[in-house]
Amino acid sequence: VQLVESGGGLVQPGGSLRLSCAASGFTFSSYVMNWYRRAPGKERELVARIGRDNIYYVDSVKGRFTISRDNAKNTLFLQMSSLKPEDTAVYYCNALLGTTDYWGQGTQVTVSS
């Protein structure tokens, strides 16, 4: 199993970024996929989750972030808009396969003027 994130960077407040996670080594379409983030000095936080028929967002990103997936390309996305400094974190792609959590290496998102 491999998860590879990309798309992070430095953006000004109010700006947008789109994160991608390329997945391989498992049947991507069959599993719930997650985006987590870890901000400096804070616990890791579930940001968004996408299953076959449902989507979850943490309250702090509702209306600003959109999670989606392309099962034909085994890719997970997180479109982030109206970014705030408090969104600054390392963002991780995650898949729970059975009882094993798999993580990408993370991609840094910094929101600053």
C-alpha atoms as a PDB file:
ATOM      1  CA  VAL A   1       0.000   0.000   0.000  1.00  0.00           C
ATOM      2  CA  GLN A   2       1.298   3.417  -0.911  1.00  0.00           C
ATOM      3  CA  LEU A   3      -0.235   6.847  -0.426  1.00  0.00           C
ATOM      4  CA  VAL A   4       1.542   9.863  -1.915  1.00  0.00           C
ATOM      5  CA  GLU A   5       0.288  13.376  -1.233  1.00  0.00           C
ATOM      6  CA  SER A   6       1.032  16.442  -3.308  1.00  0.00           C
ATOM      7  CA  GLY A   7      -0.228  19.964  -3.789  1.00  0.00           C
ATOM      8  CA  GLY A   8       0.759  21.670  -0.561  1.00  0.00           C
ATOM      9  CA  GLY A   9       2.499  25.012  -0.396  1.00  0.00           C
ATOM     10  CA  LEU A  10       2.431  28.570   0.848  1.00  0.00           C
ATOM     11  CA  VAL A  11      -0.750  30.532   0.218  1.00  0.00           C
ATOM     12  CA  GLN A  12      -2.125  33.837   1.438  1.00  0.00           C
ATOM     13  CA  PRO A  13      -5.218  33.975   3.641  1.00  0.00           C
ATOM     14  CA  GLY A  14      -8.314  33.668   1.506  1.00  0.00           C
ATOM     15  CA  GLY A  15      -6.471  31.661  -1.106  1.00  0.00           C
ATOM     16  CA  SER A  16      -7.011  28.144  -2.400  1.00  0.00           C
ATOM     17  CA  LEU A  17      -5.069  24.930  -2.791  1.00  0.00           C
ATOM     18  CA  ARG A  18      -5.922  21.474  -4.060  1.00  0.00           C
ATOM     19  CA  LEU A  19      -4.274  18.499  -2.427  1.00  0.00           C
ATOM     20  CA  SER A  20      -4.007  15.159  -4.186  1.00  0.00           C
ATOM     21  CA  CYS A  21      -3.276  11.684  -2.865  1.00  0.00           C
ATOM     22  CA  ALA A  22      -2.222   8.992  -5.302  1.00  0.00           C
ATOM     23  CA  ALA A  23      -3.079   5.555  -3.923  1.00  0.00           C
ATOM     24  CA  SER A  24      -1.739   2.175  -4.968  1.00  0.00           C
ATOM     25  CA  GLY A  25      -1.500  -1.390  -3.706  1.00  0.00           C
ATOM     26  CA  PHE A  26      -5.155  -1.876  -2.781  1.00  0.00           C
ATOM     27  CA  THR A  27      -8.637  -1.657  -4.301  1.00  0.00           C
ATOM     28  CA  PHE A  28      -9.031   2.090  -3.830  1.00  0.00           C
ATOM     29  CA  SER A  29     -12.719   2.248  -4.714  1.00  0.00           C
ATOM     30  CA  SER A  30     -13.627  -0.204  -1.952  1.00  0.00           C
ATOM     31  CA  TYR A  31     -12.360   1.830   0.980  1.00  0.00           C
ATOM     32  CA  VAL A  32     -13.210   4.914   2.936  1.00  0.00           C
ATOM     33  CA  MET A  33     -10.493   7.524   2.516  1.00  0.00           C
ATOM     34  CA  ASN A  34      -9.556  10.296   4.911  1.00  0.00           C
ATOM     35  CA  TRP A  35      -7.645  13.557   5.077  1.00  0.00           C
ATOM     36  CA  TYR A  36      -6.053  14.372   8.422  1.00  0.00           C
ATOM     37  CA  ARG A  37      -3.920  17.295   9.484  1.00  0.00           C
ATOM     38  CA  ARG A  38      -1.488  18.033  12.265  1.00  0.00           C
ATOM     39  CA  ALA A  39      -0.887  21.652  13.150  1.00  0.00           C
ATOM     40  CA  PRO A  40       2.179  22.706  15.157  1.00  0.00           C
ATOM     41  CA  GLY A  41       1.670  21.879  18.822  1.00  0.00           C
ATOM     42  CA  LYS A  42      -1.709  20.260  18.233  1.00  0.00           C
ATOM     43  CA  GLU A  43      -3.151  16.756  18.008  1.00  0.00           C
ATOM     44  CA  ARG A  44      -3.757  15.132  14.663  1.00  0.00           C
ATOM     45  CA  GLU A  45      -7.258  16.006  13.442  1.00  0.00           C
ATOM     46  CA  LEU A  46      -9.612  14.309  10.998  1.00  0.00           C
ATOM     47  CA  VAL A  47     -10.459  16.946   8.400  1.00  0.00           C
ATOM     48  CA  ALA A  48     -12.647  15.058   5.926  1.00  0.00           C
ATOM     49  CA  ARG A  49     -13.754  11.540   5.073  1.00  0.00           C
ATOM     50  CA  ILE A  50     -15.304  10.099   1.951  1.00  0.00           C
ATOM     51  CA  GLY A  51     -17.006   6.741   1.701  1.00  0.00           C
ATOM     52  CA  ARG A  52     -19.091   5.189  -1.005  1.00  0.00           C
ATOM     53  CA  ASP A  53     -22.173   7.268  -0.236  1.00  0.00           C
ATOM     54  CA  ASN A  54     -21.280   9.661   2.523  1.00  0.00           C
ATOM     55  CA  ILE A  55     -18.940  12.507   3.307  1.00  0.00           C
ATOM     56  CA  TYR A  56     -17.844  13.987   6.624  1.00  0.00           C
ATOM     57  CA  TYR A  57     -16.163  17.310   7.401  1.00  0.00           C
ATOM     58  CA  VAL A  58     -14.907  18.680  10.663  1.00  0.00           C
ATOM     59  CA  ASP A  59     -16.918  21.771  11.555  1.00  0.00           C
ATOM     60  CA  SER A  60     -14.011  24.157  11.100  1.00  0.00           C
ATOM     61  CA  VAL A  61     -13.725  23.427   7.351  1.00  0.00           C
ATOM     62  CA  LYS A  62     -17.381  23.007   6.373  1.00  0.00           C
ATOM     63  CA  GLY A  63     -18.261  25.220   3.431  1.00  0.00           C
ATOM     64  CA  ARG A  64     -14.588  25.832   2.622  1.00  0.00           C
ATOM     65  CA  PHE A  65     -13.117  22.386   1.874  1.00  0.00           C
ATOM     66  CA  THR A  66     -14.368  19.735  -0.528  1.00  0.00           C
ATOM     67  CA  ILE A  67     -13.214  16.120  -0.478  1.00  0.00           C
ATOM     68  CA  SER A  68     -13.582  14.050  -3.627  1.00  0.00           C
ATOM     69  CA  ARG A  69     -12.166  10.959  -5.263  1.00  0.00           C
ATOM     70  CA  ASP A  70     -11.489   9.632  -8.736  1.00  0.00           C
ATOM     71  CA  ASN A  71     -11.772   5.873  -8.449  1.00  0.00           C
ATOM     72  CA  ALA A  72     -10.667   5.375 -12.056  1.00  0.00           C
ATOM     73  CA  LYS A  73      -7.369   7.116 -11.248  1.00  0.00           C
ATOM     74  CA  ASN A  74      -7.035   5.891  -7.648  1.00  0.00           C
ATOM     75  CA  THR A  75      -6.728   9.458  -6.475  1.00  0.00           C
ATOM     76  CA  LEU A  76      -8.139  11.347  -3.514  1.00  0.00           C
ATOM     77  CA  PHE A  77      -8.498  15.137  -3.522  1.00  0.00           C
ATOM     78  CA  LEU A  78      -9.029  17.919  -1.040  1.00  0.00           C
ATOM     79  CA  GLN A  79     -10.025  21.263  -2.523  1.00  0.00           C
ATOM     80  CA  MET A  80      -9.362  23.966   0.048  1.00  0.00           C
ATOM     81  CA  SER A  81     -10.746  27.465  -0.361  1.00  0.00           C
ATOM     82  CA  SER A  82     -10.974  30.577   1.808  1.00  0.00           C
ATOM     83  CA  LEU A  83      -7.905  29.352   3.622  1.00  0.00           C
ATOM     84  CA  LYS A  84      -7.143  30.732   7.059  1.00  0.00           C
ATOM     85  CA  PRO A  85      -3.891  30.867   9.017  1.00  0.00           C
ATOM     86  CA  GLU A  86      -5.336  28.269  11.371  1.00  0.00           C
ATOM     87  CA  ASP A  87      -5.449  25.813   8.443  1.00  0.00           C
ATOM     88  CA  THR A  88      -1.650  25.734   8.508  1.00  0.00           C
ATOM     89  CA  ALA A  89      -0.640  22.111   9.087  1.00  0.00           C
ATOM     90  CA  VAL A  90       0.820  19.027   7.544  1.00  0.00           C
ATOM     91  CA  TYR A  91      -1.978  17.262   5.694  1.00  0.00           C
ATOM     92  CA  TYR A  92      -2.020  13.476   5.485  1.00  0.00           C
ATOM     93  CA  CYS A  93      -3.929  11.040   3.337  1.00  0.00           C
ATOM     94  CA  ASN A  94      -5.155   7.971   5.239  1.00  0.00           C
ATOM     95  CA  ALA A  95      -6.754   4.626   4.504  1.00  0.00           C
ATOM     96  CA  LEU A  96      -7.911   2.096   7.076  1.00  0.00           C
ATOM     97  CA  LEU A  97      -7.647  -1.364   5.550  1.00  0.00           C
ATOM     98  CA  GLY A  98      -9.017  -3.921   7.983  1.00  0.00           C
ATOM     99  CA  THR A  99      -7.247  -3.077  11.231  1.00  0.00           C
ATOM    100  CA  THR A 100      -4.221  -1.386   9.677  1.00  0.00           C
ATOM    101  CA  ASP A 101      -3.919   2.344   9.149  1.00  0.00           C
ATOM    102  CA  TYR A 102      -1.904   3.488   6.165  1.00  0.00           C
ATOM    103  CA  TRP A 103      -0.523   7.008   5.877  1.00  0.00           C
ATOM    104  CA  GLY A 104       1.146   9.125   3.280  1.00  0.00           C
ATOM    105  CA  GLN A 105       4.244  11.159   4.007  1.00  0.00           C
ATOM    106  CA  GLY A 106       2.241  14.353   4.360  1.00  0.00           C
ATOM    107  CA  THR A 107       2.235  17.661   2.528  1.00  0.00           C
ATOM    108  CA  GLN A 108       2.803  21.016   4.220  1.00  0.00           C
ATOM    109  CA  VAL A 109       0.164  23.717   3.873  1.00  0.00           C
ATOM    110  CA  THR A 110       1.125  27.155   5.161  1.00  0.00           C
ATOM    111  CA  VAL A 111      -1.381  29.997   5.148  1.00  0.00           C
ATOM    112  CA  SER A 112       0.352  33.281   5.767  1.00  0.00           C
ATOM    113  CA  SER A 113       0.612  36.788   4.401  1.00  0.00           C
END
